[in-house]
C-alpha cells in the first residue's frame, strides 16, 4: 500500500531528473555553439580592416600604371597605421624605405605574406 503512494512521486522525480539532464545537455550544446559564433565574429571584425588594406595596396600599388602619387601614399600610410599592428607596420616601413627595385619586390612579398597570415589566424 505504501509503495503505491510513493510511485507517483518516484515517477515525478524521475521525469524531472530526465528533463534536467535533457535541458542541461541542450544548454551546454547551445553555449558551445554561441562561443564558436562569437569567435568567428571577432575574427571577422579583425580580418575586415586587414583585407581592406590588402585590397587597397593591391589596387593602388601593385596594379598602378606608374609611380604612386603622394595622395595615394598618404592614404595607404593612414590605412596601415589604422590597423595598429606592429608587424604589418614594420613590413610597410621596410617596403617604403626600400632603396632598390629588388628590395621593394622582396618587401612586397613579405608584406603580403604577413597580411595573409593575419587573415588566416
N, C-alpha and C. Protein backbone atom coordinates (compact mmCIF):
# COMPACT_ATOMS: atom_id res chain seq x y z
N UNK A 1 0.81 -1.18 0.00
CA UNK A 1 0.00 0.00 0.00
C UNK A 1 0.86 1.26 0.00
N UNK A 2 1.90 1.22 0.82
CA UNK A 2 2.82 2.36 0.92
C UNK A 2 3.55 2.58 -0.41
N UNK A 3 3.82 1.49 -1.13
CA UNK A 3 4.51 1.61 -2.41
C UNK A 3 3.66 2.35 -3.43
N UNK A 4 2.40 2.13 -3.42
CA UNK A 4 1.51 2.79 -4.38
C UNK A 4 1.44 4.29 -4.14
N UNK A 5 1.59 4.71 -2.91
CA UNK A 5 1.57 6.15 -2.60
C UNK A 5 2.85 6.84 -3.06
N UNK A 6 3.97 6.12 -3.01
CA UNK A 6 5.26 6.69 -3.39
C UNK A 6 5.52 6.63 -4.90
N UNK A 7 4.82 5.77 -5.61
CA UNK A 7 5.05 5.59 -7.04
C UNK A 7 4.89 6.89 -7.83
N UNK A 8 3.83 7.67 -7.65
CA UNK A 8 3.72 8.92 -8.42
C UNK A 8 4.87 9.89 -8.10
N UNK A 9 5.31 9.91 -6.87
CA UNK A 9 6.42 10.81 -6.50
C UNK A 9 7.70 10.33 -7.16
N UNK A 10 7.93 9.04 -7.18
CA UNK A 10 9.14 8.49 -7.81
C UNK A 10 9.12 8.77 -9.32
N UNK A 11 7.97 8.59 -9.94
CA UNK A 11 7.84 8.86 -11.37
C UNK A 11 8.06 10.35 -11.65
N UNK A 12 7.49 11.20 -10.82
CA UNK A 12 7.65 12.64 -10.99
C UNK A 12 9.12 13.06 -10.83
N UNK A 13 9.78 12.54 -9.81
CA UNK A 13 11.19 12.87 -9.59
C UNK A 13 12.03 12.34 -10.75
N UNK A 14 11.73 11.15 -11.23
CA UNK A 14 12.45 10.58 -12.37
C UNK A 14 12.27 11.43 -13.62
N UNK A 15 11.02 11.87 -13.87
CA UNK A 15 10.75 12.71 -15.04
C UNK A 15 11.47 14.05 -14.93
N UNK A 16 11.47 14.62 -13.73
CA UNK A 16 12.17 15.90 -13.54
C UNK A 16 13.68 15.72 -13.74
N UNK A 17 14.21 14.62 -13.29
CA UNK A 17 15.64 14.35 -13.45
C UNK A 17 16.00 14.19 -14.92
N UNK A 18 15.20 13.43 -15.65
CA UNK A 18 15.43 13.25 -17.08
C UNK A 18 15.31 14.60 -17.80
N UNK A 19 14.32 15.39 -17.43
CA UNK A 19 14.15 16.71 -18.03
C UNK A 19 15.34 17.61 -17.76
N UNK A 20 15.84 17.60 -16.54
CA UNK A 20 17.02 18.41 -16.21
C UNK A 20 18.23 17.99 -17.02
N UNK A 21 18.42 16.70 -17.16
CA UNK A 21 19.55 16.20 -17.96
C UNK A 21 19.40 16.63 -19.41
N UNK A 22 18.20 16.46 -19.96
CA UNK A 22 17.93 16.84 -21.35
C UNK A 22 18.20 18.33 -21.58
N UNK A 23 17.62 19.17 -20.74
CA UNK A 23 17.80 20.61 -20.91
C UNK A 23 19.23 21.06 -20.59
N UNK A 24 19.89 20.39 -19.67
CA UNK A 24 21.29 20.69 -19.36
C UNK A 24 22.19 20.42 -20.54
N UNK A 25 21.98 19.27 -21.20
CA UNK A 25 22.77 18.95 -22.39
C UNK A 25 22.51 19.96 -23.51
N UNK A 26 21.25 20.34 -23.67
CA UNK A 26 20.90 21.35 -24.68
C UNK A 26 21.55 22.69 -24.38
N UNK A 27 21.57 23.05 -23.12
CA UNK A 27 22.19 24.32 -22.71
C UNK A 27 23.68 24.34 -23.04
N UNK A 28 24.39 23.28 -22.69
CA UNK A 28 25.83 23.24 -22.95
C UNK A 28 26.12 23.18 -24.44
N UNK A 29 25.28 22.51 -25.18
CA UNK A 29 25.44 22.46 -26.63
C UNK A 29 25.27 23.86 -27.24
N UNK A 30 24.24 24.56 -26.81
CA UNK A 30 23.98 25.91 -27.32
C UNK A 30 25.08 26.88 -26.90
N UNK A 31 25.59 26.72 -25.68
CA UNK A 31 26.66 27.59 -25.20
C UNK A 31 27.92 27.41 -26.02
N UNK A 32 28.26 26.17 -26.35
CA UNK A 32 29.43 25.89 -27.18
C UNK A 32 29.26 26.50 -28.57
N UNK A 33 28.07 26.37 -29.12
CA UNK A 33 27.79 26.93 -30.44
C UNK A 33 27.88 28.46 -30.41
N UNK A 34 27.39 29.08 -29.36
CA UNK A 34 27.45 30.53 -29.21
C UNK A 34 28.90 31.00 -29.11
N UNK A 35 29.72 30.29 -28.37
CA UNK A 35 31.13 30.66 -28.24
C UNK A 35 31.84 30.57 -29.59
N UNK A 36 31.54 29.56 -30.37
CA UNK A 36 32.12 29.43 -31.72
C UNK A 36 31.68 30.60 -32.59
N UNK A 37 30.41 30.94 -32.49
CA UNK A 37 29.87 32.05 -33.28
C UNK A 37 30.53 33.37 -32.90
N UNK A 38 30.70 33.60 -31.61
CA UNK A 38 31.35 34.82 -31.15
C UNK A 38 32.80 34.87 -31.61
N UNK A 39 33.48 33.74 -31.57
CA UNK A 39 34.86 33.67 -32.00
C UNK A 39 34.97 34.00 -33.49
N UNK A 40 34.06 33.47 -34.28
CA UNK A 40 34.05 33.76 -35.72
C UNK A 40 33.75 35.23 -35.97
N UNK A 41 32.87 35.81 -35.17
CA UNK A 41 32.53 37.23 -35.32
C UNK A 41 33.72 38.12 -35.00
N UNK A 42 34.45 37.78 -33.94
CA UNK A 42 35.64 38.55 -33.57
C UNK A 42 36.69 38.44 -34.66
N UNK A 43 36.87 37.24 -35.19
CA UNK A 43 37.85 37.02 -36.25
C UNK A 43 37.48 37.84 -37.49
N UNK A 44 36.22 37.86 -37.82
CA UNK A 44 35.78 38.63 -38.98
C UNK A 44 36.00 40.12 -38.77
N UNK A 45 35.78 40.59 -37.55
CA UNK A 45 35.99 42.01 -37.25
C UNK A 45 37.46 42.38 -37.34
N UNK A 46 38.33 41.46 -36.97
CA UNK A 46 39.78 41.71 -37.07
C UNK A 46 40.22 41.62 -38.52
N UNK A 47 39.70 40.66 -39.25
CA UNK A 47 40.12 40.44 -40.63
C UNK A 47 39.68 41.54 -41.59
N UNK A 48 38.53 42.13 -41.37
CA UNK A 48 37.99 43.10 -42.31
C UNK A 48 38.95 44.26 -42.60
N UNK A 49 39.52 44.92 -41.60
CA UNK A 49 40.45 46.02 -41.91
C UNK A 49 41.73 45.53 -42.62
N UNK A 50 42.20 44.35 -42.27
CA UNK A 50 43.40 43.81 -42.93
C UNK A 50 43.10 43.51 -44.39
N UNK A 51 41.94 42.93 -44.65
CA UNK A 51 41.54 42.64 -46.02
C UNK A 51 41.36 43.94 -46.80
N UNK A 52 40.74 44.93 -46.18
CA UNK A 52 40.57 46.23 -46.84
C UNK A 52 41.90 46.85 -47.21
N UNK A 53 42.87 46.81 -46.28
CA UNK A 53 44.20 47.36 -46.58
C UNK A 53 44.88 46.56 -47.69
N UNK A 54 44.78 45.24 -47.64
CA UNK A 54 45.40 44.40 -48.67
C UNK A 54 44.83 44.73 -50.04
N UNK A 55 43.52 44.88 -50.12
CA UNK A 55 42.90 45.23 -51.40
C UNK A 55 43.33 46.62 -51.87
N UNK A 56 43.39 47.56 -50.96
CA UNK A 56 43.84 48.91 -51.28
C UNK A 56 45.27 48.87 -51.81
N UNK A 57 46.13 48.13 -51.13
CA UNK A 57 47.53 48.01 -51.54
C UNK A 57 47.63 47.38 -52.92
N UNK A 58 46.89 46.33 -53.15
CA UNK A 58 46.92 45.65 -54.45
C UNK A 58 46.43 46.58 -55.55
N UNK A 59 45.31 47.25 -55.30
CA UNK A 59 44.73 48.12 -56.32
C UNK A 59 45.56 49.36 -56.60
N UNK A 60 46.10 49.97 -55.55
CA UNK A 60 46.78 51.27 -55.71
C UNK A 60 48.28 51.15 -55.96
N UNK A 61 48.90 50.04 -55.54
CA UNK A 61 50.35 49.90 -55.71
C UNK A 61 50.68 48.85 -56.75
N UNK A 62 50.21 47.65 -56.54
CA UNK A 62 50.60 46.57 -57.45
C UNK A 62 50.01 46.72 -58.85
N UNK A 63 48.84 47.29 -58.93
CA UNK A 63 48.21 47.47 -60.24
C UNK A 63 48.40 48.87 -60.80
N UNK A 64 49.25 49.65 -60.17
CA UNK A 64 49.49 51.03 -60.63
C UNK A 64 50.21 51.00 -61.97
N UNK A 65 49.86 51.93 -62.83
CA UNK A 65 50.45 52.03 -64.16
C UNK A 65 51.79 52.78 -64.14
N UNK A 66 52.05 53.49 -63.10
CA UNK A 66 53.29 54.26 -62.99
C UNK A 66 53.62 54.46 -61.54
N UNK A 67 54.28 55.56 -61.27
CA UNK A 67 54.64 55.87 -59.89
C UNK A 67 53.39 56.22 -59.09
N UNK A 68 53.39 55.82 -57.84
CA UNK A 68 52.25 56.07 -56.96
C UNK A 68 52.32 57.53 -56.49
N UNK A 69 51.22 58.25 -56.63
CA UNK A 69 51.23 59.67 -56.27
C UNK A 69 51.18 59.88 -54.75
N UNK A 70 51.43 61.13 -54.34
CA UNK A 70 51.51 61.47 -52.92
C UNK A 70 50.21 61.18 -52.19
N UNK A 71 49.08 61.52 -52.79
CA UNK A 71 47.76 61.29 -52.17
C UNK A 71 47.55 59.81 -51.85
N UNK A 72 47.90 58.98 -52.81
CA UNK A 72 47.74 57.54 -52.62
C UNK A 72 48.67 57.02 -51.54
N UNK A 73 49.92 57.50 -51.54
CA UNK A 73 50.86 57.07 -50.50
C UNK A 73 50.37 57.48 -49.12
N UNK A 74 49.82 58.68 -49.03
CA UNK A 74 49.29 59.16 -47.75
C UNK A 74 48.09 58.32 -47.31
N UNK A 75 47.22 57.99 -48.25
CA UNK A 75 46.05 57.17 -47.95
C UNK A 75 46.49 55.78 -47.46
N UNK A 76 47.48 55.20 -48.12
CA UNK A 76 48.00 53.89 -47.71
C UNK A 76 48.68 53.96 -46.35
N UNK A 77 49.43 55.01 -46.12
CA UNK A 77 50.11 55.19 -44.83
C UNK A 77 49.09 55.28 -43.70
N UNK A 78 48.05 56.06 -43.91
CA UNK A 78 46.99 56.17 -42.89
C UNK A 78 46.27 54.85 -42.68
N UNK A 79 46.01 54.14 -43.76
CA UNK A 79 45.31 52.85 -43.66
C UNK A 79 46.15 51.83 -42.88
N UNK A 80 47.44 51.81 -43.12
CA UNK A 80 48.29 50.85 -42.42
C UNK A 80 48.42 51.22 -40.95
N UNK A 81 48.46 52.48 -40.64
CA UNK A 81 48.53 52.92 -39.24
C UNK A 81 47.22 52.62 -38.51
N UNK A 82 46.10 52.72 -39.22
CA UNK A 82 44.80 52.42 -38.61
C UNK A 82 44.68 50.95 -38.21
N UNK A 83 45.47 50.08 -38.85
CA UNK A 83 45.44 48.66 -38.47
C UNK A 83 46.00 48.45 -37.08
N UNK A 84 46.90 49.32 -36.67
CA UNK A 84 47.51 49.26 -35.34
C UNK A 84 48.12 47.88 -35.06
N UNK A 85 48.84 47.37 -36.07
CA UNK A 85 49.50 46.07 -35.95
C UNK A 85 50.99 46.29 -36.21
N UNK A 86 51.80 46.07 -35.19
CA UNK A 86 53.23 46.36 -35.28
C UNK A 86 53.92 45.59 -36.39
N UNK A 87 53.55 44.34 -36.57
CA UNK A 87 54.19 43.51 -37.59
C UNK A 87 53.90 44.04 -38.99
N UNK A 88 52.66 44.41 -39.24
CA UNK A 88 52.29 44.94 -40.56
C UNK A 88 52.97 46.30 -40.77
N UNK A 89 52.97 47.14 -39.74
CA UNK A 89 53.59 48.45 -39.86
C UNK A 89 55.09 48.31 -40.13
N UNK A 90 55.75 47.37 -39.47
CA UNK A 90 57.18 47.15 -39.69
C UNK A 90 57.45 46.73 -41.14
N UNK A 91 56.64 45.83 -41.67
CA UNK A 91 56.81 45.40 -43.07
C UNK A 91 56.51 46.55 -44.03
N UNK A 92 55.52 47.35 -43.69
CA UNK A 92 55.20 48.51 -44.51
C UNK A 92 56.38 49.48 -44.55
N UNK A 93 56.97 49.74 -43.40
CA UNK A 93 58.11 50.65 -43.35
C UNK A 93 59.30 50.09 -44.12
N UNK A 94 59.50 48.80 -44.05
CA UNK A 94 60.57 48.17 -44.84
C UNK A 94 60.30 48.37 -46.32
N UNK A 95 59.06 48.23 -46.72
CA UNK A 95 58.69 48.43 -48.11
C UNK A 95 58.91 49.88 -48.54
N UNK A 96 58.46 50.82 -47.72
CA UNK A 96 58.54 52.23 -48.12
C UNK A 96 59.97 52.77 -48.10
N UNK A 97 60.85 52.12 -47.36
CA UNK A 97 62.24 52.59 -47.31
C UNK A 97 63.15 51.79 -48.22
N UNK A 98 62.59 50.95 -49.07
CA UNK A 98 63.40 50.15 -50.00
C UNK A 98 64.16 51.08 -50.93
N UNK A 99 65.44 50.74 -51.15
CA UNK A 99 66.30 51.57 -52.00
C UNK A 99 66.34 51.08 -53.45
N UNK A 100 66.17 49.80 -53.63
CA UNK A 100 66.22 49.24 -54.99
C UNK A 100 64.91 48.53 -55.31
N UNK A 101 64.75 48.24 -56.59
CA UNK A 101 63.55 47.54 -57.02
C UNK A 101 63.52 46.12 -56.46
N UNK A 102 64.67 45.48 -56.36
CA UNK A 102 64.75 44.12 -55.80
C UNK A 102 64.33 44.13 -54.32
N UNK A 103 64.79 45.13 -53.58
CA UNK A 103 64.39 45.24 -52.18
C UNK A 103 62.88 45.46 -52.07
N UNK A 104 62.36 46.31 -52.92
CA UNK A 104 60.93 46.60 -52.91
C UNK A 104 60.12 45.35 -53.22
N UNK A 105 60.56 44.58 -54.19
CA UNK A 105 59.84 43.35 -54.53
C UNK A 105 59.86 42.36 -53.37
N UNK A 106 61.00 42.21 -52.73
CA UNK A 106 61.07 41.32 -51.57
C UNK A 106 60.20 41.83 -50.43
N UNK A 107 60.18 43.13 -50.24
CA UNK A 107 59.35 43.73 -49.19
C UNK A 107 57.87 43.51 -49.46
N UNK A 108 57.48 43.63 -50.72
CA UNK A 108 56.08 43.40 -51.09
C UNK A 108 55.69 41.95 -50.80
N UNK A 109 56.57 41.03 -51.12
CA UNK A 109 56.30 39.62 -50.86
C UNK A 109 56.10 39.38 -49.36
N UNK A 110 56.99 39.93 -48.55
CA UNK A 110 56.89 39.75 -47.10
C UNK A 110 55.64 40.44 -46.55
N UNK A 111 55.33 41.64 -47.06
CA UNK A 111 54.14 42.36 -46.60
C UNK A 111 52.88 41.55 -46.91
N UNK A 112 52.78 41.06 -48.12
CA UNK A 112 51.61 40.26 -48.49
C UNK A 112 51.54 38.96 -47.68
N UNK A 113 52.69 38.37 -47.40
CA UNK A 113 52.73 37.16 -46.58
C UNK A 113 52.21 37.45 -45.17
N UNK A 114 52.62 38.57 -44.60
CA UNK A 114 52.16 38.95 -43.27
C UNK A 114 50.66 39.22 -43.29
N UNK A 115 50.17 39.93 -44.31
CA UNK A 115 48.75 40.24 -44.39
C UNK A 115 47.91 38.96 -44.49
N UNK A 116 48.33 38.05 -45.34
CA UNK A 116 47.60 36.79 -45.49
C UNK A 116 47.68 35.98 -44.20
N UNK A 117 48.83 36.01 -43.55
CA UNK A 117 48.97 35.31 -42.27
C UNK A 117 48.02 35.85 -41.23
N UNK A 118 47.84 37.16 -41.21
CA UNK A 118 46.91 37.78 -40.24
C UNK A 118 45.47 37.36 -40.54
N UNK A 119 45.14 37.25 -41.81
CA UNK A 119 43.79 36.88 -42.20
C UNK A 119 43.52 35.42 -41.84
N UNK A 120 44.52 34.56 -41.96
CA UNK A 120 44.34 33.15 -41.68
C UNK A 120 44.17 32.84 -40.21
N UNK A 121 44.69 33.68 -39.34
CA UNK A 121 44.62 33.38 -37.90
C UNK A 121 43.22 33.43 -37.37
